[in-house]
Every structure is written in structure tokens, then in C-alpha cells.
Amino acid sequence: MAGRRTLHEKRGWAFTTAVGILKPALTLATRRDWHGGEHIPAGGGCVLAVNHVSHLDPLTFAHFVYDQGRLPRYLAKTEVFAIPFAGRIVRASGQIPVARLTSTASDAFTAAVDAVRDGKLVIVYPEGTLTRDPGLWPMVGKTGAARIALATGCPVVPVAQWGTQQILAPYATKFDLVPRKTVTVRAGAPVDLTAYDGAQPTPAVLRAATEDIMTAITDLLEEIRGERAPAERFDPRRAGVREIGNPHGPDGSDKKTRRKRR
């Protein structure tokens, strides 16, 4: 179980409010099985790259990061910033809006690079959305985490999480809180990206670095689940599944995919 570390950053009113409301609720609602917190730098700019299995896991993962002595700053979809009251807290706490699948999505990259250079911890969901993999394994990743790392030289810490989907399944609207579920988080050593030192961030380089990051996350999730992930990573585009939003909702695809597993 990862131990707690002292927070040295100033929280401000937004983090103070969020911690005061959410931490007691999460402590009561979940059991926590946390490992590898020592891999998260105690200070300085860094990226945490983590898988995404539930709309609840940004909160449970923020709990993990906060107890490691860091303030979490997410690359978060712009829709979150429009939620009454919560949106004000999200904005005031320095979260970074991402206008997914738009021409302004690159603005989030610039903001994330600035945050890392300012010594902040930035959390990236490389998949860009909840996993569409039928077994909830990590999908093909987007290149944001790799781009930030190559632009700043900061460490990328891979993290896997599991258990929140038992409390709130993907795109479900009802919580299952009884009996209390265990949320497992496992952080690993920073991904070795030295092979790309000095390289131009070409599409090929970014894809290779991203796959290294996704492999590290998947390896950690295999340890948590005690299972092997599929040999081929799920790709929503190739599978004909919408990239964002509920894949089974309006304008979504119910296309079923069968894939060979290891």
C-alpha cells in the first residue's frame, strides 16, 4: 500500500473545497489498494499517463495523487468546465481544457507544456476517452503524453487503475456502492524514452513513444488483473466505433468486435 506524503504546494480555494468534499466521501465509499506512489516525483514537472475505465476514476485517481503529496491537473474535456459550480472549481484549480476532435485541441498541448515547465504534475489519459475495448484493456493511445514529454524532457510515469468500473460502469448512470468496492492503483517507474532524445517529433517517433507508454500501462494492468491483455491493442477507428461519447448511444455504433487474444 502506497504511503502518504506531505503536500508542499499551495492548494488555493478550489483544491481546498474539492478535497474537503470529495476525500471524505471517497474514503467512505471505497477500499484503496495503492502501490508505486514512490515513482511519482515529489516535486517538479511530470506527466502521469493512466488508463480510463469509468467516469468516476478521475476522482479516485486524484485521491491517489493527492495522497502522494501532489496536486493533480488533468487534461480534461471542455464539457466538464461547463458544469455549474463544478466547472468553476475545475477551472480555478488549473485543470486544462481539451476541445476534443476540434481544430483548437492543440491549445491543450501548449497549456500542458507550460504547466509542466512550471513544475506542475499533469495527468493524461492517452486513450482520450473511456476504453472501448470489450475487456476494458487500454486501447491505442493518442500522442499527447509523448509530445509533452519530448517537448519538456519531463518523466512520464505510467499508472494503471482498476475497480472503479465496478462502482460506475462505463456510461452507466447508477452507482453500485454496496458492498464497498476496492479501487486498485499501481504506478510504475518512469517510461524509458531515451531512445527518442534529440529526435524530431515526427508522427513515427510520436507513435513509437506512445506505444512504449501504452505498453507500460498495460503491463501494470496485467499485474493488477492477473490476466494477459489482448495481443492486438483495440483501435476504435479500425473497429468502426465512435471515438468519443457513448459508443452505444445516438449516432454510436453497436458493432461487435472479436479479436484474437494471447
C-alpha atoms as a PDB file:
ATOM      1  CA  MET A   1       0.000   0.000   0.000  1.00  0.00           C
ATOM      2  CA  ALA A   2       1.436   3.350  -1.028  1.00  0.00           C
ATOM      3  CA  GLY A   3       2.169   5.611   1.912  1.00  0.00           C
ATOM      4  CA  ARG A   4       1.111   9.230   2.178  1.00  0.00           C
ATOM      5  CA  ARG A   5       3.452  12.134   1.506  1.00  0.00           C
ATOM      6  CA  THR A   6       3.176  15.726   2.637  1.00  0.00           C
ATOM      7  CA  LEU A   7       1.766  18.260   0.203  1.00  0.00           C
ATOM      8  CA  HIS A   8       4.036  21.280  -0.259  1.00  0.00           C
ATOM      9  CA  GLU A   9       2.106  23.132  -2.985  1.00  0.00           C
ATOM     10  CA  LYS A  10      -0.423  25.787  -2.065  1.00  0.00           C
ATOM     11  CA  ARG A  11      -3.890  24.369  -2.563  1.00  0.00           C
ATOM     12  CA  GLY A  12      -5.940  27.521  -3.085  1.00  0.00           C
ATOM     13  CA  TRP A  13      -9.684  27.695  -2.537  1.00  0.00           C
ATOM     14  CA  ALA A  14     -10.622  25.350  -5.385  1.00  0.00           C
ATOM     15  CA  PHE A  15      -8.458  22.425  -4.290  1.00  0.00           C
ATOM     16  CA  THR A  16      -9.340  23.074  -0.645  1.00  0.00           C
ATOM     17  CA  THR A  17     -13.039  22.896  -1.477  1.00  0.00           C
ATOM     18  CA  ALA A  18     -12.687  19.789  -3.649  1.00  0.00           C
ATOM     19  CA  VAL A  19     -10.576  17.940  -1.094  1.00  0.00           C
ATOM     20  CA  GLY A  20     -12.962  18.854   1.712  1.00  0.00           C
ATOM     21  CA  ILE A  21     -15.948  17.468  -0.186  1.00  0.00           C
ATOM     22  CA  LEU A  22     -14.519  14.520  -2.104  1.00  0.00           C
ATOM     23  CA  LYS A  23     -11.832  12.963   0.064  1.00  0.00           C
ATOM     24  CA  PRO A  24     -14.144  12.016   2.990  1.00  0.00           C
ATOM     25  CA  ALA A  25     -16.741  10.669   0.546  1.00  0.00           C
ATOM     26  CA  LEU A  26     -14.194   8.581  -1.380  1.00  0.00           C
ATOM     27  CA  THR A  27     -12.648   7.296   1.842  1.00  0.00           C
ATOM     28  CA  LEU A  28     -16.053   6.054   2.983  1.00  0.00           C
ATOM     29  CA  ALA A  29     -17.159   4.710  -0.402  1.00  0.00           C
ATOM     30  CA  THR A  30     -14.062   2.759  -1.460  1.00  0.00           C
ATOM     31  CA  ARG A  31     -11.336   0.475  -0.252  1.00  0.00           C
ATOM     32  CA  ARG A  32      -7.951   1.518  -1.594  1.00  0.00           C
ATOM     33  CA  ASP A  33      -5.187  -0.780  -2.797  1.00  0.00           C
ATOM     34  CA  TRP A  34      -2.466   1.620  -3.866  1.00  0.00           C
ATOM     35  CA  HIS A  35       1.059   0.769  -4.963  1.00  0.00           C
ATOM     36  CA  GLY A  36       4.050   2.518  -6.517  1.00  0.00           C
ATOM     37  CA  GLY A  37       3.460   6.016  -5.199  1.00  0.00           C
ATOM     38  CA  GLU A  38       7.210   6.363  -4.731  1.00  0.00           C
ATOM     39  CA  HIS A  39       7.575   6.551  -8.526  1.00  0.00           C
ATOM     40  CA  ILE A  40       5.712   9.865  -8.603  1.00  0.00           C
ATOM     41  CA  PRO A  41       8.234  12.709  -8.288  1.00  0.00           C
ATOM     42  CA  ALA A  42       7.849  14.623  -5.026  1.00  0.00           C
ATOM     43  CA  GLY A  43       8.258  17.863  -6.962  1.00  0.00           C
ATOM     44  CA  GLY A  44       8.866  19.244 -10.423  1.00  0.00           C
ATOM     45  CA  GLY A  45       7.049  18.907 -13.700  1.00  0.00           C
ATOM     46  CA  CYS A  46       5.949  15.448 -14.784  1.00  0.00           C
ATOM     47  CA  VAL A  47       3.265  13.586 -16.681  1.00  0.00           C
ATOM     48  CA  LEU A  48       1.193  10.744 -15.275  1.00  0.00           C
ATOM     49  CA  ALA A  49      -0.270   8.575 -18.052  1.00  0.00           C
ATOM     50  CA  VAL A  50      -3.173   6.433 -16.877  1.00  0.00           C
ATOM     51  CA  ASN A  51      -5.878   4.165 -18.307  1.00  0.00           C
ATOM     52  CA  HIS A  52      -9.557   5.156 -18.195  1.00  0.00           C
ATOM     53  CA  VAL A  53     -12.324   2.689 -17.250  1.00  0.00           C
ATOM     54  CA  SER A  54     -15.033   4.782 -15.568  1.00  0.00           C
ATOM     55  CA  HIS A  55     -16.288   8.349 -15.334  1.00  0.00           C
ATOM     56  CA  LEU A  56     -15.556   8.013 -11.620  1.00  0.00           C
ATOM     57  CA  ASP A  57     -11.853   7.275 -11.923  1.00  0.00           C
ATOM     58  CA  PRO A  58     -10.721  10.913 -12.344  1.00  0.00           C
ATOM     59  CA  LEU A  59     -11.898  11.436  -8.754  1.00  0.00           C
ATOM     60  CA  THR A  60     -10.447   8.235  -7.277  1.00  0.00           C
ATOM     61  CA  PHE A  61      -7.173   8.778  -9.137  1.00  0.00           C
ATOM     62  CA  ALA A  62      -6.983  12.387  -7.950  1.00  0.00           C
ATOM     63  CA  HIS A  63      -7.337  10.989  -4.414  1.00  0.00           C
ATOM     64  CA  PHE A  64      -4.325   8.737  -5.044  1.00  0.00           C
ATOM     65  CA  VAL A  65      -2.229  11.582  -6.474  1.00  0.00           C
ATOM     66  CA  TYR A  66      -3.151  13.977  -3.669  1.00  0.00           C
ATOM     67  CA  ASP A  67      -2.074  11.458  -1.054  1.00  0.00           C
ATOM     68  CA  GLN A  68       1.305  11.229  -2.805  1.00  0.00           C
ATOM     69  CA  GLY A  69       1.824  14.903  -1.989  1.00  0.00           C
ATOM     70  CA  ARG A  70       0.961  16.354  -5.414  1.00  0.00           C
ATOM     71  CA  LEU A  71      -1.899  18.393  -6.800  1.00  0.00           C
ATOM     72  CA  PRO A  72      -3.488  16.710  -9.834  1.00  0.00           C
ATOM     73  CA  ARG A  73      -4.028  18.701 -13.018  1.00  0.00           C
ATOM     74  CA  TYR A  74      -5.908  16.902 -15.754  1.00  0.00           C
ATOM     75  CA  LEU A  75      -6.198  17.346 -19.456  1.00  0.00           C
ATOM     76  CA  ALA A  76      -9.998  17.330 -19.285  1.00  0.00           C
ATOM     77  CA  LYS A  77     -12.715  17.592 -21.936  1.00  0.00           C
ATOM     78  CA  THR A  78     -14.209  21.071 -22.251  1.00  0.00           C
ATOM     79  CA  GLU A  79     -17.683  19.814 -21.332  1.00  0.00           C
ATOM     80  CA  VAL A  80     -16.563  19.421 -17.722  1.00  0.00           C
ATOM     81  CA  PHE A  81     -15.809  23.145 -17.497  1.00  0.00           C
ATOM     82  CA  ALA A  82     -19.430  23.945 -18.339  1.00  0.00           C
ATOM     83  CA  ILE A  83     -20.902  22.072 -15.361  1.00  0.00           C
ATOM     84  CA  PRO A  84     -22.392  24.545 -12.836  1.00  0.00           C
ATOM     85  CA  PHE A  85     -20.221  25.055  -9.721  1.00  0.00           C
ATOM     86  CA  ALA A  86     -18.016  22.035 -10.505  1.00  0.00           C
ATOM     87  CA  GLY A  87     -16.844  23.760 -13.660  1.00  0.00           C
ATOM     88  CA  ARG A  88     -15.785  26.790 -11.636  1.00  0.00           C
ATOM     89  CA  ILE A  89     -13.734  24.572  -9.321  1.00  0.00           C
ATOM     90  CA  VAL A  90     -12.195  22.716 -12.263  1.00  0.00           C
ATOM     91  CA  ARG A  91     -11.144  25.963 -13.913  1.00  0.00           C
ATOM     92  CA  ALA A  92      -9.871  27.609 -10.715  1.00  0.00           C
ATOM     93  CA  SER A  93      -7.792  24.556  -9.794  1.00  0.00           C
ATOM     94  CA  GLY A  94      -5.801  24.807 -13.015  1.00  0.00           C
ATOM     95  CA  GLN A  95      -7.237  21.889 -14.945  1.00  0.00           C
ATOM     96  CA  ILE A  96      -6.548  22.069 -18.675  1.00  0.00           C
ATOM     97  CA  PRO A  97      -9.477  22.074 -21.133  1.00  0.00           C
ATOM     98  CA  VAL A  98      -9.311  19.907 -24.244  1.00  0.00           C
ATOM     99  CA  ALA A  99     -11.707  20.556 -27.124  1.00  0.00           C
ATOM    100  CA  ARG A 100     -11.565  17.017 -28.467  1.00  0.00           C
ATOM    101  CA  LEU A 101     -11.671  16.426 -32.242  1.00  0.00           C
ATOM    102  CA  THR A 102     -11.545  20.167 -32.987  1.00  0.00           C
ATOM    103  CA  SER A 103      -9.003  22.484 -34.553  1.00  0.00           C
ATOM    104  CA  THR A 104      -8.298  24.053 -31.137  1.00  0.00           C
ATOM    105  CA  ALA A 105      -7.380  20.774 -29.432  1.00  0.00           C
ATOM    106  CA  SER A 106      -3.698  21.687 -29.834  1.00  0.00           C
ATOM    107  CA  ASP A 107      -4.182  24.564 -27.382  1.00  0.00           C
ATOM    108  CA  ALA A 108      -4.274  21.962 -24.600  1.00  0.00           C
ATOM    109  CA  PHE A 109      -0.812  20.754 -25.603  1.00  0.00           C
ATOM    110  CA  THR A 110       0.622  24.254 -25.243  1.00  0.00           C
ATOM    111  CA  ALA A 111      -1.061  24.699 -21.852  1.00  0.00           C
ATOM    112  CA  ALA A 112       0.172  21.303 -20.643  1.00  0.00           C
ATOM    113  CA  VAL A 113       3.757  22.048 -21.707  1.00  0.00           C
ATOM    114  CA  ASP A 114       3.600  25.374 -19.873  1.00  0.00           C
ATOM    115  CA  ALA A 115       2.237  23.645 -16.757  1.00  0.00           C
ATOM    116  CA  VAL A 116       4.994  21.017 -16.772  1.00  0.00           C
ATOM    117  CA  ARG A 117       7.670  23.655 -17.263  1.00  0.00           C
ATOM    118  CA  ASP A 118       6.147  25.475 -14.302  1.00  0.00           C
ATOM    119  CA  GLY A 119       6.731  22.390 -12.135  1.00  0.00           C
ATOM    120  CA  LYS A 120       3.182  21.030 -12.216  1.00  0.00           C
ATOM    121  CA  LEU A 121       2.032  17.417 -12.332  1.00  0.00           C
ATOM    122  CA  VAL A 122      -0.174  16.839 -15.384  1.00  0.00           C
ATOM    123  CA  ILE A 123      -2.408  13.784 -15.758  1.00  0.00           C
ATOM    124  CA  VAL A 124      -3.075  12.487 -19.261  1.00  0.00           C
ATOM    125  CA  TYR A 125      -5.499   9.792 -20.394  1.00  0.00           C
ATOM    126  CA  PRO A 126      -3.606   8.674 -23.522  1.00  0.00           C
ATOM    127  CA  GLU A 127      -6.692   6.877 -24.841  1.00  0.00           C
ATOM    128  CA  GLY A 128      -8.531  10.207 -24.908  1.00  0.00           C
ATOM    129  CA  THR A 129     -11.777   8.692 -23.618  1.00  0.00           C
ATOM    130  CA  LEU A 130     -13.158   5.682 -21.763  1.00  0.00           C
ATOM    131  CA  THR A 131     -11.760   2.495 -23.245  1.00  0.00           C
ATOM    132  CA  ARG A 132     -13.905   0.857 -25.896  1.00  0.00           C
ATOM    133  CA  ASP A 133     -12.029  -2.431 -25.593  1.00  0.00           C
ATOM    134  CA  PRO A 134     -14.568  -5.204 -24.806  1.00  0.00           C
ATOM    135  CA  GLY A 135     -12.411  -6.378 -21.908  1.00  0.00           C
ATOM    136  CA  LEU A 136     -11.638  -2.821 -20.699  1.00  0.00           C
ATOM    137  CA  TRP A 137      -7.964  -3.094 -21.640  1.00  0.00           C
ATOM    138  CA  PRO A 138      -6.040   0.014 -22.764  1.00  0.00           C
ATOM    139  CA  MET A 139      -6.667   0.995 -26.377  1.00  0.00           C
ATOM    140  CA  VAL A 140      -4.369   2.501 -28.992  1.00  0.00           C
ATOM    141  CA  GLY A 141      -3.083   5.704 -27.430  1.00  0.00           C
ATOM    142  CA  LYS A 142      -3.051   9.259 -28.692  1.00  0.00           C
ATOM    143  CA  THR A 143       0.287  11.047 -28.774  1.00  0.00           C
ATOM    144  CA  GLY A 144      -0.298  13.856 -26.260  1.00  0.00           C
ATOM    145  CA  ALA A 145       1.685  12.406 -23.360  1.00  0.00           C
ATOM    146  CA  ALA A 146       4.625  11.589 -25.619  1.00  0.00           C
ATOM    147  CA  ARG A 147       4.541  15.043 -27.205  1.00  0.00           C
ATOM    148  CA  ILE A 148       4.619  16.751 -23.800  1.00  0.00           C
ATOM    149  CA  ALA A 149       7.490  14.544 -22.629  1.00  0.00           C
ATOM    150  CA  LEU A 150       9.607  15.082 -25.751  1.00  0.00           C
ATOM    151  CA  ALA A 151       8.962  18.836 -25.655  1.00  0.00           C
ATOM    152  CA  THR A 152       9.909  19.250 -21.987  1.00  0.00           C
ATOM    153  CA  GLY A 153      12.160  16.300 -21.128  1.00  0.00           C
ATOM    154  CA  CYS A 154       9.914  15.533 -18.155  1.00  0.00           C
ATOM    155  CA  PRO A 155       9.379  11.985 -16.825  1.00  0.00           C
ATOM    156  CA  VAL A 156       6.270  10.062 -17.860  1.00  0.00           C
ATOM    157  CA  VAL A 157       5.034   7.835 -15.038  1.00  0.00           C
ATOM    158  CA  PRO A 158       2.731   5.024 -16.248  1.00  0.00           C
ATOM    159  CA  VAL A 159      -0.191   4.152 -13.988  1.00  0.00           C
ATOM    160  CA  ALA A 160      -2.907   1.507 -14.171  1.00  0.00           C
ATOM    161  CA  GLN A 161      -6.173   1.635 -12.243  1.00  0.00           C
ATOM    162  CA  TRP A 162      -8.922  -0.917 -11.818  1.00  0.00           C
ATOM    163  CA  GLY A 163     -12.091  -1.264  -9.752  1.00  0.00           C
ATOM    164  CA  THR A 164     -13.952   1.977 -10.376  1.00  0.00           C
ATOM    165  CA  GLN A 165     -15.863   0.300 -13.215  1.00  0.00           C
ATOM    166  CA  GLN A 166     -17.482  -1.903 -10.577  1.00  0.00           C
ATOM    167  CA  ILE A 167     -18.849   1.217  -8.862  1.00  0.00           C
ATOM    168  CA  LEU A 168     -19.830   3.063 -12.037  1.00  0.00           C
ATOM    169  CA  ALA A 169     -19.670   1.051 -15.244  1.00  0.00           C
ATOM    170  CA  PRO A 170     -18.741   2.869 -18.463  1.00  0.00           C
ATOM    171  CA  TYR A 171     -21.604   5.180 -19.472  1.00  0.00           C
ATOM    172  CA  ALA A 172     -23.803   3.900 -16.645  1.00  0.00           C
ATOM    173  CA  THR A 173     -25.912   6.373 -14.681  1.00  0.00           C
ATOM    174  CA  LYS A 174     -26.300   4.443 -11.421  1.00  0.00           C
ATOM    175  CA  PHE A 175     -23.649   3.832  -8.775  1.00  0.00           C
ATOM    176  CA  ASP A 176     -23.166   0.421  -7.168  1.00  0.00           C
ATOM    177  CA  LEU A 177     -21.738   1.302  -3.760  1.00  0.00           C
ATOM    178  CA  VAL A 178     -22.756  -1.758  -1.710  1.00  0.00           C
ATOM    179  CA  PRO A 179     -20.755  -3.740  -0.881  1.00  0.00           C
ATOM    180  CA  ARG A 180     -17.856  -1.310  -0.809  1.00  0.00           C
ATOM    181  CA  LYS A 181     -15.527  -1.894  -3.766  1.00  0.00           C
ATOM    182  CA  THR A 182     -11.729  -1.915  -3.879  1.00  0.00           C
ATOM    183  CA  VAL A 183     -10.016   0.574  -6.166  1.00  0.00           C
ATOM    184  CA  THR A 184      -6.542  -0.564  -7.148  1.00  0.00           C
ATOM    185  CA  VAL A 185      -3.919   1.852  -8.447  1.00  0.00           C
ATOM    186  CA  ARG A 186      -0.404   0.809  -9.433  1.00  0.00           C
ATOM    187  CA  ALA A 187       2.227   3.318 -10.599  1.00  0.00           C
ATOM    188  CA  GLY A 188       5.401   2.157 -12.321  1.00  0.00           C
ATOM    189  CA  ALA A 189       8.855   3.538 -12.913  1.00  0.00           C
ATOM    190  CA  PRO A 190       9.045   6.337 -15.499  1.00  0.00           C
ATOM    191  CA  VAL A 191       8.902   5.085 -19.072  1.00  0.00           C
ATOM    192  CA  ASP A 192      12.349   4.959 -20.694  1.00  0.00           C
ATOM    193  CA  LEU A 193      12.079   7.375 -23.604  1.00  0.00           C
ATOM    194  CA  THR A 194      15.816   7.963 -24.008  1.00  0.00           C
ATOM    195  CA  ALA A 195      15.718   6.306 -27.433  1.00  0.00           C
ATOM    196  CA  TYR A 196      13.935   9.447 -28.652  1.00  0.00           C
ATOM    197  CA  ASP A 197      16.328  12.008 -27.136  1.00  0.00           C
ATOM    198  CA  GLY A 198      17.086  14.652 -29.730  1.00  0.00           C
ATOM    199  CA  ALA A 199      14.713  13.136 -32.271  1.00  0.00           C
ATOM    200  CA  GLN A 200      12.339  15.285 -34.239  1.00  0.00           C
ATOM    201  CA  PRO A 201       8.738  14.688 -33.106  1.00  0.00           C
ATOM    202  CA  THR A 202       7.682  13.088 -36.357  1.00  0.00           C
ATOM    203  CA  PRO A 203       4.472  11.036 -36.481  1.00  0.00           C
ATOM    204  CA  ALA A 204       6.524   7.827 -36.456  1.00  0.00           C
ATOM    205  CA  VAL A 205       8.546   8.903 -33.405  1.00  0.00           C
ATOM    206  CA  LEU A 206       5.434  10.013 -31.531  1.00  0.00           C
ATOM    207  CA  ARG A 207       3.604   6.773 -32.328  1.00  0.00           C
ATOM    208  CA  ALA A 208       6.566   4.695 -31.137  1.00  0.00           C
ATOM    209  CA  ALA A 209       6.944   6.671 -27.896  1.00  0.00           C
ATOM    210  CA  THR A 210       3.190   6.466 -27.307  1.00  0.00           C
ATOM    211  CA  GLU A 211       3.216   2.705 -27.780  1.00  0.00           C
ATOM    212  CA  ASP A 212       6.022   2.456 -25.193  1.00  0.00           C
ATOM    213  CA  ILE A 213       3.807   4.387 -22.767  1.00  0.00           C
ATOM    214  CA  MET A 214       0.731   2.260 -23.511  1.00  0.00           C
ATOM    215  CA  THR A 215       2.734  -0.944 -23.100  1.00  0.00           C
ATOM    216  CA  ALA A 216       3.942   0.185 -19.676  1.00  0.00           C
ATOM    217  CA  ILE A 217       0.359   0.971 -18.590  1.00  0.00           C
ATOM    218  CA  THR A 218      -0.905  -2.356 -19.938  1.00  0.00           C
ATOM    219  CA  ASP A 219       1.835  -4.312 -18.168  1.00  0.00           C
ATOM    220  CA  LEU A 220       0.797  -2.732 -14.870  1.00  0.00           C
ATOM    221  CA  LEU A 221      -2.865  -3.535 -15.513  1.00  0.00           C
ATOM    222  CA  GLU A 222      -1.945  -7.147 -16.268  1.00  0.00           C
ATOM    223  CA  GLU A 223      -0.288  -7.303 -12.840  1.00  0.00           C
ATOM    224  CA  ILE A 224      -3.403  -5.921 -11.172  1.00  0.00           C
ATOM    225  CA  ARG A 225      -5.833  -8.196 -13.002  1.00  0.00           C
ATOM    226  CA  GLY A 226      -3.639 -11.312 -13.101  1.00  0.00           C
ATOM    227  CA  GLU A 227      -4.500 -11.705 -16.788  1.00  0.00           C
ATOM    228  CA  ARG A 228      -2.900 -11.166 -20.174  1.00  0.00           C
ATOM    229  CA  ALA A 229      -4.086  -8.320 -22.362  1.00  0.00           C
ATOM    230  CA  PRO A 230      -5.064  -8.910 -25.996  1.00  0.00           C
ATOM    231  CA  ALA A 231      -2.145  -9.363 -28.371  1.00  0.00           C
ATOM    232  CA  GLU A 232      -3.518  -6.545 -30.554  1.00  0.00           C
ATOM    233  CA  ARG A 233      -4.456  -3.235 -28.988  1.00  0.00           C
ATOM    234  CA  PHE A 234      -8.036  -2.135 -29.669  1.00  0.00           C
ATOM    235  CA  ASP A 235      -8.319   0.684 -32.219  1.00  0.00           C
ATOM    236  CA  PRO A 236     -11.744   2.427 -32.295  1.00  0.00           C
ATOM    237  CA  ARG A 237     -11.202   3.760 -35.808  1.00  0.00           C
ATOM    238  CA  ARG A 238     -10.422   0.373 -37.275  1.00  0.00           C
ATOM    239  CA  ALA A 239     -13.302  -1.168 -35.337  1.00  0.00           C
ATOM    240  CA  GLY A 240     -15.779   1.425 -36.611  1.00  0.00           C
ATOM    241  CA  VAL A 241     -16.570   2.716 -33.116  1.00  0.00           C
ATOM    242  CA  ARG A 242     -17.062   6.423 -32.423  1.00  0.00           C
ATOM    243  CA  GLU A 243     -14.018   7.937 -30.754  1.00  0.00           C
ATOM    244  CA  ILE A 244     -15.778   9.999 -28.077  1.00  0.00           C
ATOM    245  CA  GLY A 245     -19.125   9.833 -26.312  1.00  0.00           C
ATOM    246  CA  ASN A 246     -21.223   6.763 -25.605  1.00  0.00           C
ATOM    247  CA  PRO A 247     -20.429   4.282 -28.392  1.00  0.00           C
ATOM    248  CA  HIS A 248     -23.854   2.684 -27.920  1.00  0.00           C
ATOM    249  CA  GLY A 249     -25.839   5.911 -27.728  1.00  0.00           C
ATOM    250  CA  PRO A 250     -27.344   8.052 -30.507  1.00  0.00           C
ATOM    251  CA  ASP A 251     -25.066   8.130 -33.559  1.00  0.00           C
ATOM    252  CA  GLY A 252     -22.875   5.483 -31.910  1.00  0.00           C
ATOM    253  CA  SER A 253     -22.022   2.090 -33.228  1.00  0.00           C
ATOM    254  CA  ASP A 254     -23.101  -1.201 -31.699  1.00  0.00           C
ATOM    255  CA  LYS A 255     -20.672  -3.029 -33.900  1.00  0.00           C
ATOM    256  CA  LYS A 256     -19.258  -6.015 -32.050  1.00  0.00           C
ATOM    257  CA  THR A 257     -15.622  -6.897 -32.440  1.00  0.00           C
ATOM    258  CA  ARG A 258     -13.894 -10.187 -31.948  1.00  0.00           C
ATOM    259  CA  ARG A 259     -10.175 -10.202 -31.548  1.00  0.00           C
ATOM    260  CA  LYS A 260      -7.554 -12.830 -31.070  1.00  0.00           C
ATOM    261  CA  ARG A 261      -6.095 -12.807 -27.557  1.00  0.00           C
ATOM    262  CA  ARG A 262      -2.766 -14.095 -26.387  1.00  0.00           C
END
